[in-house]
C-alpha atoms as a PDB file:
ATOM      1  CA  MET A   1       4.194 -28.782 -23.933  1.00  0.00           C
ATOM      2  CA  HIS A   2       2.069 -27.749 -20.949  1.00  0.00           C
ATOM      3  CA  GLU A   3       3.345 -25.230 -18.405  1.00  0.00           C
ATOM      4  CA  ASP A   4       1.861 -24.932 -14.980  1.00  0.00           C
ATOM      5  CA  ALA A   5       2.140 -22.225 -12.324  1.00  0.00           C
ATOM      6  CA  ASN A   6       5.166 -23.950 -10.787  1.00  0.00           C
ATOM      7  CA  ASP A   7       7.047 -23.696 -14.086  1.00  0.00           C
ATOM      8  CA  HIS A   8       6.365 -19.951 -14.136  1.00  0.00           C
ATOM      9  CA  ALA A   9       7.433 -19.576 -10.505  1.00  0.00           C
ATOM     10  CA  ARG A  10      10.715 -21.356 -11.251  1.00  0.00           C
ATOM     11  CA  GLU A  11      11.251 -19.097 -14.284  1.00  0.00           C
ATOM     12  CA  ALA A  12      10.714 -16.030 -12.097  1.00  0.00           C
ATOM     13  CA  GLY A  13      13.831 -16.959 -10.167  1.00  0.00           C
ATOM     14  CA  PRO A  14      14.781 -17.560  -6.586  1.00  0.00           C
ATOM     15  CA  GLY A  15      14.395 -13.900  -5.555  1.00  0.00           C
ATOM     16  CA  VAL A  16      10.622 -14.081  -5.924  1.00  0.00           C
ATOM     17  CA  SER A  17       8.977 -15.037  -2.661  1.00  0.00           C
ATOM     18  CA  GLY A  18       5.427 -15.641  -1.543  1.00  0.00           C
ATOM     19  CA  GLY A  19       4.218 -16.357  -5.073  1.00  0.00           C
ATOM     20  CA  MET A  20       4.423 -12.693  -6.150  1.00  0.00           C
ATOM     21  CA  GLY A  21       6.022 -13.664  -9.476  1.00  0.00           C
ATOM     22  CA  ARG A  22       3.470 -16.363 -10.240  1.00  0.00           C
ATOM     23  CA  PRO A  23       1.458 -15.678 -13.387  1.00  0.00           C
ATOM     24  CA  GLU A  24      -1.944 -15.948 -11.706  1.00  0.00           C
ATOM     25  CA  PHE A  25      -1.033 -13.070  -9.371  1.00  0.00           C
ATOM     26  CA  LEU A  26       0.384 -11.027 -12.233  1.00  0.00           C
ATOM     27  CA  ASP A  27      -2.835 -11.667 -14.161  1.00  0.00           C
ATOM     28  CA  LEU A  28      -4.885 -10.723 -11.086  1.00  0.00           C
ATOM     29  CA  GLU A  29      -2.981  -7.472 -10.629  1.00  0.00           C
ATOM     30  CA  ARG A  30      -3.427  -6.536 -14.291  1.00  0.00           C
ATOM     31  CA  GLU A  31      -7.141  -7.316 -14.354  1.00  0.00           C
ATOM     32  CA  LEU A  32      -7.834  -5.515 -11.073  1.00  0.00           C
ATOM     33  CA  THR A  33      -5.951  -2.468 -12.344  1.00  0.00           C
ATOM     34  CA  VAL A  34      -8.140  -2.379 -15.449  1.00  0.00           C
ATOM     35  CA  LEU A  35     -11.288  -2.963 -13.382  1.00  0.00           C
ATOM     36  CA  PHE A  36     -10.436  -0.213 -10.867  1.00  0.00           C
ATOM     37  CA  ARG A  37      -9.570   2.279 -13.630  1.00  0.00           C
ATOM     38  CA  ARG A  38     -12.867   1.609 -15.383  1.00  0.00           C
ATOM     39  CA  ALA A  39     -14.760   1.743 -12.095  1.00  0.00           C
ATOM     40  CA  ARG A  40     -13.298   5.179 -11.279  1.00  0.00           C
ATOM     41  CA  ALA A  41     -14.341   6.474 -14.690  1.00  0.00           C
ATOM     42  CA  LYS A  42     -17.848   5.018 -14.318  1.00  0.00           C
ATOM     43  CA  GLN A  43     -18.140   6.452 -10.796  1.00  0.00           C
ATOM     44  CA  GLY A  44     -17.695   9.940 -12.237  1.00  0.00           C
ATOM     45  CA  GLU A  45     -20.388   9.276 -14.831  1.00  0.00           C
ATOM     46  CA  MET A  46     -22.783   7.921 -12.207  1.00  0.00           C
ATOM     47  CA  ALA A  47     -22.094  10.873  -9.907  1.00  0.00           C
ATOM     48  CA  ARG A  48     -23.032  13.282 -12.703  1.00  0.00           C
ATOM     49  CA  GLU A  49     -26.190  11.252 -13.356  1.00  0.00           C
ATOM     50  CA  VAL A  50     -27.209  11.759  -9.721  1.00  0.00           C
ATOM     51  CA  HIS A  51     -26.492  15.492  -9.980  1.00  0.00           C
ATOM     52  CA  PRO A  52     -24.412  17.445 -12.515  1.00  0.00           C
ATOM     53  CA  ASP A  53     -22.498  19.216  -9.723  1.00  0.00           C
ATOM     54  CA  LEU A  54     -21.726  16.067  -7.718  1.00  0.00           C
ATOM     55  CA  GLU A  55     -18.067  15.192  -7.185  1.00  0.00           C
ATOM     56  CA  SER A  56     -17.076  11.731  -8.344  1.00  0.00           C
ATOM     57  CA  ALA A  57     -15.868  10.698  -4.884  1.00  0.00           C
ATOM     58  CA  ALA A  58     -19.237  11.513  -3.318  1.00  0.00           C
ATOM     59  CA  TYR A  59     -21.077   8.804  -5.277  1.00  0.00           C
ATOM     60  CA  GLY A  60     -19.753   5.994  -3.062  1.00  0.00           C
ATOM     61  CA  LEU A  61     -20.835   7.967  -0.013  1.00  0.00           C
ATOM     62  CA  LEU A  62     -24.376   8.234  -1.355  1.00  0.00           C
ATOM     63  CA  VAL A  63     -24.493   4.509  -2.121  1.00  0.00           C
ATOM     64  CA  ARG A  64     -23.321   3.710   1.419  1.00  0.00           C
ATOM     65  CA  LEU A  65     -26.057   5.927   2.868  1.00  0.00           C
ATOM     66  CA  ASP A  66     -28.599   4.305   0.556  1.00  0.00           C
ATOM     67  CA  GLU A  67     -27.636   0.899   1.956  1.00  0.00           C
ATOM     68  CA  SER A  68     -27.394   1.829   5.626  1.00  0.00           C
ATOM     69  CA  GLU A  69     -30.074   4.484   6.180  1.00  0.00           C
ATOM     70  CA  ARG A  70     -28.411   6.702   8.816  1.00  0.00           C
ATOM     71  CA  MET A  71     -24.763   6.892   9.819  1.00  0.00           C
ATOM     72  CA  ARG A  72     -22.469   9.128  11.811  1.00  0.00           C
ATOM     73  CA  ALA A  73     -20.092  11.230   9.767  1.00  0.00           C
ATOM     74  CA  THR A  74     -17.143   9.570  11.522  1.00  0.00           C
ATOM     75  CA  GLU A  75     -18.402   6.116  10.459  1.00  0.00           C
ATOM     76  CA  LEU A  76     -18.784   7.329   6.882  1.00  0.00           C
ATOM     77  CA  ALA A  77     -15.286   8.809   6.909  1.00  0.00           C
ATOM     78  CA  ALA A  78     -13.830   5.527   8.167  1.00  0.00           C
ATOM     79  CA  TYR A  79     -15.765   3.491   5.610  1.00  0.00           C
ATOM     80  CA  ILE A  80     -14.785   5.720   2.678  1.00  0.00           C
ATOM     81  CA  GLY A  81     -11.239   6.126   3.986  1.00  0.00           C
ATOM     82  CA  VAL A  82     -11.057   9.895   4.343  1.00  0.00           C
ATOM     83  CA  GLY A  83     -10.423  12.283   7.216  1.00  0.00           C
ATOM     84  CA  LYS A  84     -13.050  14.182   9.174  1.00  0.00           C
ATOM     85  CA  ALA A  85     -12.328  17.471   7.390  1.00  0.00           C
ATOM     86  CA  THR A  86     -12.781  15.890   3.947  1.00  0.00           C
ATOM     87  CA  MET A  87     -15.978  14.185   5.070  1.00  0.00           C
ATOM     88  CA  SER A  88     -17.358  17.445   6.489  1.00  0.00           C
ATOM     89  CA  ARG A  89     -16.633  19.230   3.212  1.00  0.00           C
ATOM     90  CA  GLN A  90     -18.298  16.459   1.162  1.00  0.00           C
ATOM     91  CA  LEU A  91     -21.340  16.372   3.432  1.00  0.00           C
ATOM     92  CA  ARG A  92     -21.751  20.166   3.238  1.00  0.00           C
ATOM     93  CA  ALA A  93     -21.653  19.951  -0.563  1.00  0.00           C
ATOM     94  CA  LEU A  94     -24.218  17.131  -0.556  1.00  0.00           C
ATOM     95  CA  GLU A  95     -26.453  19.107   1.809  1.00  0.00           C
ATOM     96  CA  ASP A  96     -26.196  22.158  -0.465  1.00  0.00           C
ATOM     97  CA  LEU A  97     -27.350  19.958  -3.365  1.00  0.00           C
ATOM     98  CA  GLY A  98     -30.303  18.719  -1.288  1.00  0.00           C
ATOM     99  CA  LEU A  99     -29.142  15.095  -1.393  1.00  0.00           C
ATOM    100  CA  VAL A 100     -28.380  14.505   2.310  1.00  0.00           C
ATOM    101  CA  ALA A 101     -29.502  15.908   5.643  1.00  0.00           C
ATOM    102  CA  ARG A 102     -28.124  15.717   9.173  1.00  0.00           C
ATOM    103  CA  GLU A 103     -29.972  15.232  12.419  1.00  0.00           C
ATOM    104  CA  PRO A 104     -28.816  14.966  16.020  1.00  0.00           C
ATOM    105  CA  ASP A 105     -27.932  11.454  17.156  1.00  0.00           C
ATOM    106  CA  PRO A 106     -30.440  10.565  19.901  1.00  0.00           C
ATOM    107  CA  ALA A 107     -27.822   8.298  21.502  1.00  0.00           C
ATOM    108  CA  ASP A 108     -25.199  11.078  21.672  1.00  0.00           C
ATOM    109  CA  GLY A 109     -26.206  14.735  21.552  1.00  0.00           C
ATOM    110  CA  ARG A 110     -22.724  15.748  20.381  1.00  0.00           C
ATOM    111  CA  ALA A 111     -22.903  13.591  17.237  1.00  0.00           C
ATOM    112  CA  TRP A 112     -24.919  13.899  14.050  1.00  0.00           C
ATOM    113  CA  LEU A 113     -26.545  11.237  11.897  1.00  0.00           C
ATOM    114  CA  VAL A 114     -26.452  11.682   8.135  1.00  0.00           C
ATOM    115  CA  HIS A 115     -29.110  10.310   5.804  1.00  0.00           C
ATOM    116  CA  LEU A 116     -30.301  10.675   2.234  1.00  0.00           C
ATOM    117  CA  THR A 117     -33.131  13.087   1.638  1.00  0.00           C
ATOM    118  CA  GLU A 118     -36.134  11.880  -0.327  1.00  0.00           C
ATOM    119  CA  GLU A 119     -34.639  13.645  -3.368  1.00  0.00           C
ATOM    120  CA  GLY A 120     -31.254  12.007  -2.777  1.00  0.00           C
ATOM    121  CA  ARG A 121     -32.746   8.553  -2.312  1.00  0.00           C
ATOM    122  CA  GLY A 122     -34.758   8.850  -5.537  1.00  0.00           C
ATOM    123  CA  ARG A 123     -31.790  10.032  -7.590  1.00  0.00           C
ATOM    124  CA  VAL A 124     -29.454   7.354  -6.225  1.00  0.00           C
ATOM    125  CA  ALA A 125     -32.053   4.625  -6.793  1.00  0.00           C
ATOM    126  CA  LYS A 126     -32.518   5.686 -10.411  1.00  0.00           C
ATOM    127  CA  VAL A 127     -28.764   5.585 -11.122  1.00  0.00           C
ATOM    128  CA  ARG A 128     -28.257   2.272  -9.312  1.00  0.00           C
ATOM    129  CA  GLU A 129     -31.139   0.676 -11.240  1.00  0.00           C
ATOM    130  CA  ALA A 130     -29.632   1.889 -14.524  1.00  0.00           C
ATOM    131  CA  ARG A 131     -26.225   0.512 -13.493  1.00  0.00           C
ATOM    132  CA  ARG A 132     -27.713  -2.904 -12.676  1.00  0.00           C
ATOM    133  CA  ALA A 133     -29.495  -2.903 -16.044  1.00  0.00           C
ATOM    134  CA  ARG A 134     -26.112  -2.302 -17.724  1.00  0.00           C
ATOM    135  CA  TYR A 135     -24.638  -5.242 -15.791  1.00  0.00           C
ATOM    136  CA  VAL A 136     -27.505  -7.458 -16.936  1.00  0.00           C
ATOM    137  CA  ALA A 137     -26.935  -6.405 -20.559  1.00  0.00           C
ATOM    138  CA  GLN A 138     -23.137  -6.721 -20.385  1.00  0.00           C
ATOM    139  CA  LEU A 139     -23.273 -10.144 -18.745  1.00  0.00           C
ATOM    140  CA  SER A 140     -26.269 -11.503 -20.649  1.00  0.00           C
ATOM    141  CA  ASP A 141     -24.179 -14.273 -22.200  1.00  0.00           C
ATOM    142  CA  TRP A 142     -22.889 -15.410 -18.790  1.00  0.00           C
ATOM    143  CA  ASP A 143     -24.493 -18.256 -16.911  1.00  0.00           C
ATOM    144  CA  ARG A 144     -26.315 -16.915 -13.818  1.00  0.00           C
ATOM    145  CA  GLY A 145     -24.215 -19.257 -11.691  1.00  0.00           C
ATOM    146  CA  GLU A 146     -21.074 -17.595 -13.052  1.00  0.00           C
ATOM    147  CA  VAL A 147     -22.433 -14.176 -12.126  1.00  0.00           C
ATOM    148  CA  ALA A 148     -23.238 -15.432  -8.626  1.00  0.00           C
ATOM    149  CA  GLU A 149     -19.757 -16.959  -8.343  1.00  0.00           C
ATOM    150  CA  LEU A 150     -18.135 -13.695  -9.444  1.00  0.00           C
ATOM    151  CA  ALA A 151     -20.138 -11.805  -6.819  1.00  0.00           C
ATOM    152  CA  ARG A 152     -19.129 -14.350  -4.170  1.00  0.00           C
ATOM    153  CA  LEU A 153     -15.446 -14.128  -5.099  1.00  0.00           C
ATOM    154  CA  LEU A 154     -15.491 -10.332  -5.164  1.00  0.00           C
ATOM    155  CA  ASN A 155     -17.127 -10.336  -1.731  1.00  0.00           C
ATOM    156  CA  GLN A 156     -14.412 -12.672  -0.471  1.00  0.00           C
ATOM    157  CA  LEU A 157     -11.748 -10.383  -1.959  1.00  0.00           C
ATOM    158  CA  ASN A 158     -13.311  -7.286  -0.409  1.00  0.00           C
ATOM    159  CA  ARG A 159     -13.529  -8.932   3.019  1.00  0.00           C
ATOM    160  CA  GLY A 160      -9.895  -9.982   2.761  1.00  0.00           C
ATOM    161  CA  MET A 161      -8.854  -6.428   1.895  1.00  0.00           C
ATOM    162  CA  GLU A 162     -10.462  -5.122   5.095  1.00  0.00           C
ATOM    163  CA  LYS A 163      -7.867  -6.927   7.184  1.00  0.00           C
END
């Protein structure tokens, strides 16, 4: 006998609203939980590859700077989802490691722009290239169209989570 999502929704009972008890959403939650847990662990490894003293949380900050050149600290804090004090502390640590530098914002003398140093850019590029090589190896048996579709769907998910 074949069950479909509606059968599962009926089994979940009348108290389940908005499809939250449907198996596809339960499966999604489980798989995202596994993915996020693994991603956090890998982020720590990649941070240490950039620099042995780099905090795990700072890796995403470096990647963002690698992709956007120069940004205000307030923009970085908003993007990463941390407060100004946390961002200031992280930026000081990254400056001390020689990975980022600050310069006055020509558009606003009170603000600073943050950017990767040449050393920071080289280290981040090396780690990102190694990470992409791991993706290629791990997904070598996937059709390239499937990889592109996964990237498209993840982008759609990420955009939806910004709302």
